[in-house]
Amino acid sequence: MTFLNALYTEFLKMRRTKITWIIGLAFCFAPVGIGFFMLIIMNPDLARHMGLLTTKAQLTIPAADWATYLKFTAIILGAGSFVLGIMEAFVFGREYMQGTAKNMLTLPVGRGAFTAAKLLVVSVWYTAVIAFVYFVAIVFGFTIGLPGWSPSLLPENIGLVMQLLVQTLLLGSVPAWMAILGRGILAPIGFTLFAALGLGQLFSHTGWGVWCPWSIPLLTAQAGAQDAPVPGFGSWIVLIFVFAAGVCAAWITLDKMDNTQ
């Protein structure tokens, strides 16, 4: 079995599982929720019947227009490291949940091929989910009739989303390693909760956010404090180092692992 065989097998697994679409559809609720808040703000009659939702919308959304909507969509996608962590947990941890790890580890192929194939599959999967969520967000914005549309808004926003996509993907090797180390899905999901929702949110409101890997996408999407620093070249070095360290750790851990469950 070569790397291409391993890659084909991993894509085949993804095609035959329902979680591929479930995660994409679940992620769509975030931009749709923002759009619904803007719909409440734009319709006073609807706002009077929404109660606390109206108050929440008014506190969360400064304006109901395309520029604000695209900005919040980018912020949502900047927090996608949690979604990526769930994907990594599933792809790397499912072998232990389904009892197939002992079969995979006895195949005459380098363990690095499995690591690379699974990481590539998750990267394609996550990229497709981001593209799908962004498309749904744009369609929903037109559906509710947001004002202030201009084609000139898209190039800059799409560039920001692509930048956030790359930054998030560079964080994916660490939960992959945690799944191998913990032989299941609990360790990577727990780590992702701690890193993305804990460390990321905490450091994004401090001056050290540009050096915390899980804060960098949030700061790039301008989801931190108003005076928070903007990630630069040094932040990219941090992300690349984290990715390389995670890949090496996952490879070495898998290479030294026996074929017992």
C-alpha atoms as a PDB file:
ATOM      1  CA  MET A   1       0.000   0.000   0.000  1.00  0.00           C
ATOM      2  CA  THR A   2       1.366   3.405  -0.974  1.00  0.00           C
ATOM      3  CA  PHE A   3       0.485   6.888   0.207  1.00  0.00           C
ATOM      4  CA  LEU A   4      -2.026   7.228  -2.644  1.00  0.00           C
ATOM      5  CA  ASN A   5      -3.732   4.013  -1.561  1.00  0.00           C
ATOM      6  CA  ALA A   6      -3.951   5.298   2.004  1.00  0.00           C
ATOM      7  CA  LEU A   7      -5.273   8.629   0.757  1.00  0.00           C
ATOM      8  CA  TYR A   8      -7.918   6.950  -1.404  1.00  0.00           C
ATOM      9  CA  THR A   9      -8.997   4.787   1.527  1.00  0.00           C
ATOM     10  CA  GLU A  10      -9.385   7.800   3.809  1.00  0.00           C
ATOM     11  CA  PHE A  11     -11.462   9.686   1.241  1.00  0.00           C
ATOM     12  CA  LEU A  12     -13.610   6.596   0.778  1.00  0.00           C
ATOM     13  CA  LYS A  13     -14.241   6.482   4.533  1.00  0.00           C
ATOM     14  CA  MET A  14     -15.320  10.119   4.495  1.00  0.00           C
ATOM     15  CA  ARG A  15     -17.682   9.577   1.574  1.00  0.00           C
ATOM     16  CA  ARG A  16     -19.477   6.817   3.432  1.00  0.00           C
ATOM     17  CA  THR A  17     -20.033   8.650   6.713  1.00  0.00           C
ATOM     18  CA  LYS A  18     -22.864  11.052   7.508  1.00  0.00           C
ATOM     19  CA  ILE A  19     -20.803  13.195   9.876  1.00  0.00           C
ATOM     20  CA  THR A  20     -19.196  14.888   6.856  1.00  0.00           C
ATOM     21  CA  TRP A  21     -22.460  16.679   6.103  1.00  0.00           C
ATOM     22  CA  ILE A  22     -23.662  16.964   9.687  1.00  0.00           C
ATOM     23  CA  ILE A  23     -20.699  19.142  10.704  1.00  0.00           C
ATOM     24  CA  GLY A  24     -21.103  21.374   7.656  1.00  0.00           C
ATOM     25  CA  LEU A  25     -24.809  21.898   8.281  1.00  0.00           C
ATOM     26  CA  ALA A  26     -24.263  22.507  12.003  1.00  0.00           C
ATOM     27  CA  PHE A  27     -21.585  25.139  11.278  1.00  0.00           C
ATOM     28  CA  CYS A  28     -24.063  26.972   9.020  1.00  0.00           C
ATOM     29  CA  PHE A  29     -26.203  27.857  12.028  1.00  0.00           C
ATOM     30  CA  ALA A  30     -23.615  30.425  13.156  1.00  0.00           C
ATOM     31  CA  PRO A  31     -23.772  32.865  10.191  1.00  0.00           C
ATOM     32  CA  VAL A  32     -27.500  32.193   9.810  1.00  0.00           C
ATOM     33  CA  GLY A  33     -27.926  33.173  13.471  1.00  0.00           C
ATOM     34  CA  ILE A  34     -26.095  36.453  12.858  1.00  0.00           C
ATOM     35  CA  GLY A  35     -28.271  37.066   9.825  1.00  0.00           C
ATOM     36  CA  PHE A  36     -31.392  36.379  11.882  1.00  0.00           C
ATOM     37  CA  PHE A  37     -30.276  38.961  14.460  1.00  0.00           C
ATOM     38  CA  MET A  38     -29.913  41.484  11.641  1.00  0.00           C
ATOM     39  CA  LEU A  39     -33.358  40.568  10.349  1.00  0.00           C
ATOM     40  CA  ILE A  40     -34.783  41.358  13.799  1.00  0.00           C
ATOM     41  CA  ILE A  41     -33.033  44.739  13.816  1.00  0.00           C
ATOM     42  CA  MET A  42     -34.334  45.565  10.330  1.00  0.00           C
ATOM     43  CA  ASN A  43     -37.949  44.670  11.159  1.00  0.00           C
ATOM     44  CA  PRO A  44     -39.463  46.589  14.117  1.00  0.00           C
ATOM     45  CA  ASP A  45     -42.656  44.532  13.981  1.00  0.00           C
ATOM     46  CA  LEU A  46     -40.697  41.307  14.295  1.00  0.00           C
ATOM     47  CA  ALA A  47     -38.508  42.797  17.015  1.00  0.00           C
ATOM     48  CA  ARG A  48     -41.521  43.509  19.222  1.00  0.00           C
ATOM     49  CA  HIS A  49     -42.372  39.789  19.273  1.00  0.00           C
ATOM     50  CA  MET A  50     -38.848  38.482  19.911  1.00  0.00           C
ATOM     51  CA  GLY A  51     -38.424  39.687  23.513  1.00  0.00           C
ATOM     52  CA  LEU A  52     -34.961  38.880  24.841  1.00  0.00           C
ATOM     53  CA  LEU A  53     -33.722  37.954  21.368  1.00  0.00           C
ATOM     54  CA  THR A  54     -34.250  41.559  20.292  1.00  0.00           C
ATOM     55  CA  THR A  55     -32.184  42.808  23.222  1.00  0.00           C
ATOM     56  CA  LYS A  56     -29.460  40.270  22.436  1.00  0.00           C
ATOM     57  CA  ALA A  57     -29.447  41.293  18.780  1.00  0.00           C
ATOM     58  CA  GLN A  58     -29.189  44.995  19.618  1.00  0.00           C
ATOM     59  CA  LEU A  59     -26.284  44.371  22.001  1.00  0.00           C
ATOM     60  CA  THR A  60     -24.442  42.073  19.596  1.00  0.00           C
ATOM     61  CA  ILE A  61     -24.939  43.695  16.186  1.00  0.00           C
ATOM     62  CA  PRO A  62     -23.891  47.344  15.773  1.00  0.00           C
ATOM     63  CA  ALA A  63     -25.552  47.676  12.348  1.00  0.00           C
ATOM     64  CA  ALA A  64     -27.642  45.574   9.987  1.00  0.00           C
ATOM     65  CA  ASP A  65     -25.777  45.854   6.671  1.00  0.00           C
ATOM     66  CA  TRP A  66     -23.543  43.790   4.417  1.00  0.00           C
ATOM     67  CA  ALA A  67     -20.256  45.183   5.729  1.00  0.00           C
ATOM     68  CA  THR A  68     -21.124  44.218   9.309  1.00  0.00           C
ATOM     69  CA  TYR A  69     -22.546  40.868   8.232  1.00  0.00           C
ATOM     70  CA  LEU A  70     -19.395  39.896   6.317  1.00  0.00           C
ATOM     71  CA  LYS A  71     -17.230  41.015   9.225  1.00  0.00           C
ATOM     72  CA  PHE A  72     -19.131  38.813  11.677  1.00  0.00           C
ATOM     73  CA  THR A  73     -19.034  35.921   9.205  1.00  0.00           C
ATOM     74  CA  ALA A  74     -15.236  36.202   9.130  1.00  0.00           C
ATOM     75  CA  ILE A  75     -15.133  36.248  12.946  1.00  0.00           C
ATOM     76  CA  ILE A  76     -17.221  33.060  13.052  1.00  0.00           C
ATOM     77  CA  LEU A  77     -14.906  31.345  10.584  1.00  0.00           C
ATOM     78  CA  GLY A  78     -11.915  32.588  12.585  1.00  0.00           C
ATOM     79  CA  ALA A  79     -13.220  30.523  15.513  1.00  0.00           C
ATOM     80  CA  GLY A  80     -13.319  27.406  13.347  1.00  0.00           C
ATOM     81  CA  SER A  81     -10.400  25.712  15.119  1.00  0.00           C
ATOM     82  CA  PHE A  82     -12.979  24.040  17.368  1.00  0.00           C
ATOM     83  CA  VAL A  83     -14.734  22.552  14.323  1.00  0.00           C
ATOM     84  CA  LEU A  84     -11.386  21.463  12.888  1.00  0.00           C
ATOM     85  CA  GLY A  85     -10.519  19.803  16.188  1.00  0.00           C
ATOM     86  CA  ILE A  86     -13.711  17.735  16.037  1.00  0.00           C
ATOM     87  CA  MET A  87     -12.827  16.673  12.495  1.00  0.00           C
ATOM     88  CA  GLU A  88      -9.326  15.639  13.528  1.00  0.00           C
ATOM     89  CA  ALA A  89     -10.734  13.739  16.491  1.00  0.00           C
ATOM     90  CA  PHE A  90     -13.070  11.807  14.225  1.00  0.00           C
ATOM     91  CA  VAL A  91     -10.581  11.024  11.444  1.00  0.00           C
ATOM     92  CA  PHE A  92      -7.711  10.034  13.747  1.00  0.00           C
ATOM     93  CA  GLY A  93      -9.737   8.603  16.614  1.00  0.00           C
ATOM     94  CA  ARG A  94     -12.323   6.574  14.708  1.00  0.00           C
ATOM     95  CA  GLU A  95      -9.833   3.721  14.201  1.00  0.00           C
ATOM     96  CA  TYR A  96      -9.913   3.132  17.963  1.00  0.00           C
ATOM     97  CA  MET A  97     -13.672   3.650  18.317  1.00  0.00           C
ATOM     98  CA  GLN A  98     -14.399   1.126  15.577  1.00  0.00           C
ATOM     99  CA  GLY A  99     -11.677  -1.326  16.584  1.00  0.00           C
ATOM    100  CA  THR A 100      -9.812  -1.086  13.271  1.00  0.00           C
ATOM    101  CA  ALA A 101      -6.593   0.427  14.601  1.00  0.00           C
ATOM    102  CA  LYS A 102      -5.016  -3.013  15.065  1.00  0.00           C
ATOM    103  CA  ASN A 103      -5.679  -3.769  11.394  1.00  0.00           C
ATOM    104  CA  MET A 104      -4.334  -0.439  10.145  1.00  0.00           C
ATOM    105  CA  LEU A 105      -1.121  -0.711  12.156  1.00  0.00           C
ATOM    106  CA  THR A 106      -0.281  -4.162  10.775  1.00  0.00           C
ATOM    107  CA  LEU A 107      -0.372  -3.088   7.124  1.00  0.00           C
ATOM    108  CA  PRO A 108       2.998  -3.005   5.292  1.00  0.00           C
ATOM    109  CA  VAL A 109       3.121   0.764   4.921  1.00  0.00           C
ATOM    110  CA  GLY A 110       4.941   3.513   6.741  1.00  0.00           C
ATOM    111  CA  ARG A 111       3.014   5.099   9.586  1.00  0.00           C
ATOM    112  CA  GLY A 112       3.875   8.507   8.138  1.00  0.00           C
ATOM    113  CA  ALA A 113       1.718   7.722   5.095  1.00  0.00           C
ATOM    114  CA  PHE A 114      -1.327   7.274   7.325  1.00  0.00           C
ATOM    115  CA  THR A 115      -0.580  10.510   9.182  1.00  0.00           C
ATOM    116  CA  ALA A 116      -0.131  12.521   5.990  1.00  0.00           C
ATOM    117  CA  ALA A 117      -3.201  10.992   4.314  1.00  0.00           C
ATOM    118  CA  LYS A 118      -5.474  11.697   7.267  1.00  0.00           C
ATOM    119  CA  LEU A 119      -4.205  15.283   7.619  1.00  0.00           C
ATOM    120  CA  LEU A 120      -4.766  15.913   3.922  1.00  0.00           C
ATOM    121  CA  VAL A 121      -8.287  14.472   4.058  1.00  0.00           C
ATOM    122  CA  VAL A 122      -9.186  16.690   7.016  1.00  0.00           C
ATOM    123  CA  SER A 123      -7.732  19.731   5.217  1.00  0.00           C
ATOM    124  CA  VAL A 124      -9.887  19.082   2.146  1.00  0.00           C
ATOM    125  CA  TRP A 125     -12.920  18.378   4.327  1.00  0.00           C
ATOM    126  CA  TYR A 126     -12.509  21.555   6.380  1.00  0.00           C
ATOM    127  CA  THR A 127     -11.880  23.680   3.268  1.00  0.00           C
ATOM    128  CA  ALA A 128     -15.072  22.340   1.691  1.00  0.00           C
ATOM    129  CA  VAL A 129     -17.038  23.077   4.877  1.00  0.00           C
ATOM    130  CA  ILE A 130     -15.736  26.657   5.020  1.00  0.00           C
ATOM    131  CA  ALA A 131     -16.617  27.215   1.363  1.00  0.00           C
ATOM    132  CA  PHE A 132     -20.093  25.777   1.942  1.00  0.00           C
ATOM    133  CA  VAL A 133     -20.720  27.861   5.080  1.00  0.00           C
ATOM    134  CA  TYR A 134     -19.524  31.037   3.352  1.00  0.00           C
ATOM    135  CA  PHE A 135     -21.786  30.340   0.361  1.00  0.00           C
ATOM    136  CA  VAL A 136     -24.777  29.762   2.671  1.00  0.00           C
ATOM    137  CA  ALA A 137     -23.974  33.006   4.511  1.00  0.00           C
ATOM    138  CA  ILE A 138     -23.959  35.006   1.269  1.00  0.00           C
ATOM    139  CA  VAL A 139     -27.199  33.428   0.047  1.00  0.00           C
ATOM    140  CA  PHE A 140     -28.899  34.062   3.401  1.00  0.00           C
ATOM    141  CA  GLY A 141     -27.763  37.693   3.350  1.00  0.00           C
ATOM    142  CA  PHE A 142     -29.480  38.214  -0.002  1.00  0.00           C
ATOM    143  CA  THR A 143     -32.524  36.272   1.178  1.00  0.00           C
ATOM    144  CA  ILE A 144     -33.185  38.586   4.128  1.00  0.00           C
ATOM    145  CA  GLY A 145     -32.495  41.662   2.004  1.00  0.00           C
ATOM    146  CA  LEU A 146     -29.526  43.172   3.815  1.00  0.00           C
ATOM    147  CA  PRO A 147     -28.816  46.756   2.696  1.00  0.00           C
ATOM    148  CA  GLY A 148     -25.468  48.134   1.603  1.00  0.00           C
ATOM    149  CA  TRP A 149     -24.447  45.413  -0.855  1.00  0.00           C
ATOM    150  CA  SER A 150     -21.477  46.162  -3.076  1.00  0.00           C
ATOM    151  CA  PRO A 151     -19.394  43.714  -5.133  1.00  0.00           C
ATOM    152  CA  SER A 152     -16.291  45.522  -3.875  1.00  0.00           C
ATOM    153  CA  LEU A 153     -16.921  44.107  -0.383  1.00  0.00           C
ATOM    154  CA  LEU A 154     -16.257  40.506  -1.442  1.00  0.00           C
ATOM    155  CA  PRO A 155     -12.593  40.460  -2.589  1.00  0.00           C
ATOM    156  CA  GLU A 156     -11.215  41.787   0.706  1.00  0.00           C
ATOM    157  CA  ASN A 157     -13.549  39.614   2.785  1.00  0.00           C
ATOM    158  CA  ILE A 158     -12.785  36.472   0.777  1.00  0.00           C
ATOM    159  CA  GLY A 159      -9.070  37.200   1.147  1.00  0.00           C
ATOM    160  CA  LEU A 160      -9.548  37.456   4.918  1.00  0.00           C
ATOM    161  CA  VAL A 161     -11.507  34.187   5.008  1.00  0.00           C
ATOM    162  CA  MET A 162      -8.772  32.392   3.033  1.00  0.00           C
ATOM    163  CA  GLN A 163      -6.159  33.734   5.432  1.00  0.00           C
ATOM    164  CA  LEU A 164      -8.198  32.464   8.382  1.00  0.00           C
ATOM    165  CA  LEU A 165      -8.588  29.100   6.649  1.00  0.00           C
ATOM    166  CA  VAL A 166      -4.820  28.630   6.346  1.00  0.00           C
ATOM    167  CA  GLN A 167      -4.213  29.771   9.913  1.00  0.00           C
ATOM    168  CA  THR A 168      -6.795  27.340  11.271  1.00  0.00           C
ATOM    169  CA  LEU A 169      -5.460  24.432   9.220  1.00  0.00           C
ATOM    170  CA  LEU A 170      -2.002  25.030  10.689  1.00  0.00           C
ATOM    171  CA  LEU A 171      -3.519  24.322  14.120  1.00  0.00           C
ATOM    172  CA  GLY A 172      -4.956  20.970  13.051  1.00  0.00           C
ATOM    173  CA  SER A 173      -1.910  18.768  13.635  1.00  0.00           C
ATOM    174  CA  VAL A 174      -2.048  19.132  17.425  1.00  0.00           C
ATOM    175  CA  PRO A 175      -5.530  17.606  17.985  1.00  0.00           C
ATOM    176  CA  ALA A 176      -4.526  14.906  15.483  1.00  0.00           C
ATOM    177  CA  TRP A 177      -1.601  14.036  17.713  1.00  0.00           C
ATOM    178  CA  MET A 178      -3.842  14.107  20.782  1.00  0.00           C
ATOM    179  CA  ALA A 179      -6.205  11.618  19.111  1.00  0.00           C
ATOM    180  CA  ILE A 180      -3.320   9.222  18.454  1.00  0.00           C
ATOM    181  CA  LEU A 181      -1.863   9.697  21.914  1.00  0.00           C
ATOM    182  CA  GLY A 182      -5.221   9.251  23.652  1.00  0.00           C
ATOM    183  CA  ARG A 183      -6.370   6.465  21.299  1.00  0.00           C
ATOM    184  CA  GLY A 184      -9.800   7.941  20.781  1.00  0.00           C
ATOM    185  CA  ILE A 185     -11.809  11.156  20.440  1.00  0.00           C
ATOM    186  CA  LEU A 186     -12.060  12.398  24.029  1.00  0.00           C
ATOM    187  CA  ALA A 187      -8.495  13.721  24.319  1.00  0.00           C
ATOM    188  CA  PRO A 188      -8.531  15.829  21.117  1.00  0.00           C
ATOM    189  CA  ILE A 189     -12.013  17.213  21.777  1.00  0.00           C
ATOM    190  CA  GLY A 190     -11.106  18.089  25.368  1.00  0.00           C
ATOM    191  CA  PHE A 191      -7.873  19.709  24.234  1.00  0.00           C
ATOM    192  CA  THR A 192      -9.649  21.677  21.513  1.00  0.00           C
ATOM    193  CA  LEU A 193     -12.213  22.974  24.002  1.00  0.00           C
ATOM    194  CA  PHE A 194      -9.420  24.103  26.299  1.00  0.00           C
ATOM    195  CA  ALA A 195      -7.259  25.622  23.562  1.00  0.00           C
ATOM    196  CA  ALA A 196      -9.865  27.195  21.265  1.00  0.00           C
ATOM    197  CA  LEU A 197     -12.494  28.293  23.781  1.00  0.00           C
ATOM    198  CA  GLY A 198     -10.148  28.808  26.710  1.00  0.00           C
ATOM    199  CA  LEU A 199      -6.661  29.927  25.724  1.00  0.00           C
ATOM    200  CA  GLY A 200      -7.760  31.443  22.436  1.00  0.00           C
ATOM    201  CA  GLN A 201     -10.466  33.628  23.945  1.00  0.00           C
ATOM    202  CA  LEU A 202      -8.337  34.580  26.940  1.00  0.00           C
ATOM    203  CA  PHE A 203      -5.212  35.677  25.084  1.00  0.00           C
ATOM    204  CA  SER A 204      -7.154  37.414  22.295  1.00  0.00           C
ATOM    205  CA  HIS A 205      -8.037  40.089  24.855  1.00  0.00           C
ATOM    206  CA  THR A 206      -4.450  40.610  25.980  1.00  0.00           C
ATOM    207  CA  GLY A 207      -1.307  41.935  24.376  1.00  0.00           C
ATOM    208  CA  TRP A 208       0.079  38.394  24.097  1.00  0.00           C
ATOM    209  CA  GLY A 209      -2.527  37.131  21.655  1.00  0.00           C
ATOM    210  CA  VAL A 210      -0.234  37.360  18.632  1.00  0.00           C
ATOM    211  CA  TRP A 211       1.979  34.685  20.212  1.00  0.00           C
ATOM    212  CA  CYS A 212      -0.801  32.311  21.269  1.00  0.00           C
ATOM    213  CA  PRO A 213      -1.582  30.025  18.296  1.00  0.00           C
ATOM    214  CA  TRP A 214      -5.299  29.708  19.062  1.00  0.00           C
ATOM    215  CA  SER A 215      -5.715  33.476  19.452  1.00  0.00           C
ATOM    216  CA  ILE A 216      -4.098  34.386  16.141  1.00  0.00           C
ATOM    217  CA  PRO A 217      -7.117  33.575  13.907  1.00  0.00           C
ATOM    218  CA  LEU A 218      -9.411  35.496  16.250  1.00  0.00           C
ATOM    219  CA  LEU A 219      -7.152  38.550  16.165  1.00  0.00           C
ATOM    220  CA  THR A 220      -6.819  38.298  12.389  1.00  0.00           C
ATOM    221  CA  ALA A 221     -10.632  38.370  12.192  1.00  0.00           C
ATOM    222  CA  GLN A 222     -10.610  41.387  14.561  1.00  0.00           C
ATOM    223  CA  ALA A 223     -12.487  39.515  17.271  1.00  0.00           C
ATOM    224  CA  GLY A 224     -10.209  40.620  20.105  1.00  0.00           C
ATOM    225  CA  ALA A 225     -10.087  43.777  22.165  1.00  0.00           C
ATOM    226  CA  GLN A 226     -10.223  47.113  20.334  1.00  0.00           C
ATOM    227  CA  ASP A 227      -6.558  47.854  21.048  1.00  0.00           C
ATOM    228  CA  ALA A 228      -5.391  44.274  20.452  1.00  0.00           C
ATOM    229  CA  PRO A 229      -2.260  43.939  18.284  1.00  0.00           C
ATOM    230  CA  VAL A 230      -2.567  42.707  14.699  1.00  0.00           C
ATOM    231  CA  PRO A 231      -0.896  39.351  13.911  1.00  0.00           C
ATOM    232  CA  GLY A 232       2.156  39.729  11.713  1.00  0.00           C
ATOM    233  CA  PHE A 233       5.076  37.697  10.390  1.00  0.00           C
ATOM    234  CA  GLY A 234       5.972  36.413  13.850  1.00  0.00           C
ATOM    235  CA  SER A 235       2.480  34.986  14.301  1.00  0.00           C
ATOM    236  CA  TRP A 236       2.831  32.996  11.082  1.00  0.00           C
ATOM    237  CA  ILE A 237       6.137  31.590  12.339  1.00  0.00           C
ATOM    238  CA  VAL A 238       4.362  30.460  15.519  1.00  0.00           C
ATOM    239  CA  LEU A 239       1.605  28.746  13.528  1.00  0.00           C
ATOM    240  CA  ILE A 240       4.065  26.998  11.211  1.00  0.00           C
ATOM    241  CA  PHE A 241       6.090  25.805  14.190  1.00  0.00           C
ATOM    242  CA  VAL A 242       2.951  24.447  15.898  1.00  0.00           C
ATOM    243  CA  PHE A 243       1.936  22.626  12.725  1.00  0.00           C
ATOM    244  CA  ALA A 244       5.377  21.092  12.216  1.00  0.00           C
ATOM    245  CA  ALA A 245       5.637  20.073  15.866  1.00  0.00           C
ATOM    246  CA  GLY A 246       2.198  18.468  15.778  1.00  0.00           C
ATOM    247  CA  VAL A 247       2.961  16.531  12.591  1.00  0.00           C
ATOM    248  CA  CYS A 248       6.259  15.245  13.968  1.00  0.00           C
ATOM    249  CA  ALA A 249       4.659  14.281  17.290  1.00  0.00           C
ATOM    250  CA  ALA A 250       1.771  12.478  15.544  1.00  0.00           C
ATOM    251  CA  TRP A 251       4.147  10.641  13.218  1.00  0.00           C
ATOM    252  CA  ILE A 252       6.533   9.557  15.971  1.00  0.00           C
ATOM    253  CA  THR A 253       3.722   8.515  18.322  1.00  0.00           C
ATOM    254  CA  LEU A 254       2.003   6.453  15.639  1.00  0.00           C
ATOM    255  CA  ASP A 255       5.297   4.942  14.501  1.00  0.00           C
ATOM    256  CA  LYS A 256       6.088   3.672  18.002  1.00  0.00           C
ATOM    257  CA  MET A 257       2.574   2.380  18.681  1.00  0.00           C
ATOM    258  CA  ASP A 258       1.843  -1.347  18.698  1.00  0.00           C
ATOM    259  CA  ASN A 259      -1.229  -2.964  17.135  1.00  0.00           C
ATOM    260  CA  THR A 260      -3.154  -3.478  20.366  1.00  0.00           C
ATOM    261  CA  GLN A 261      -6.360  -1.596  21.083  1.00  0.00           C
END
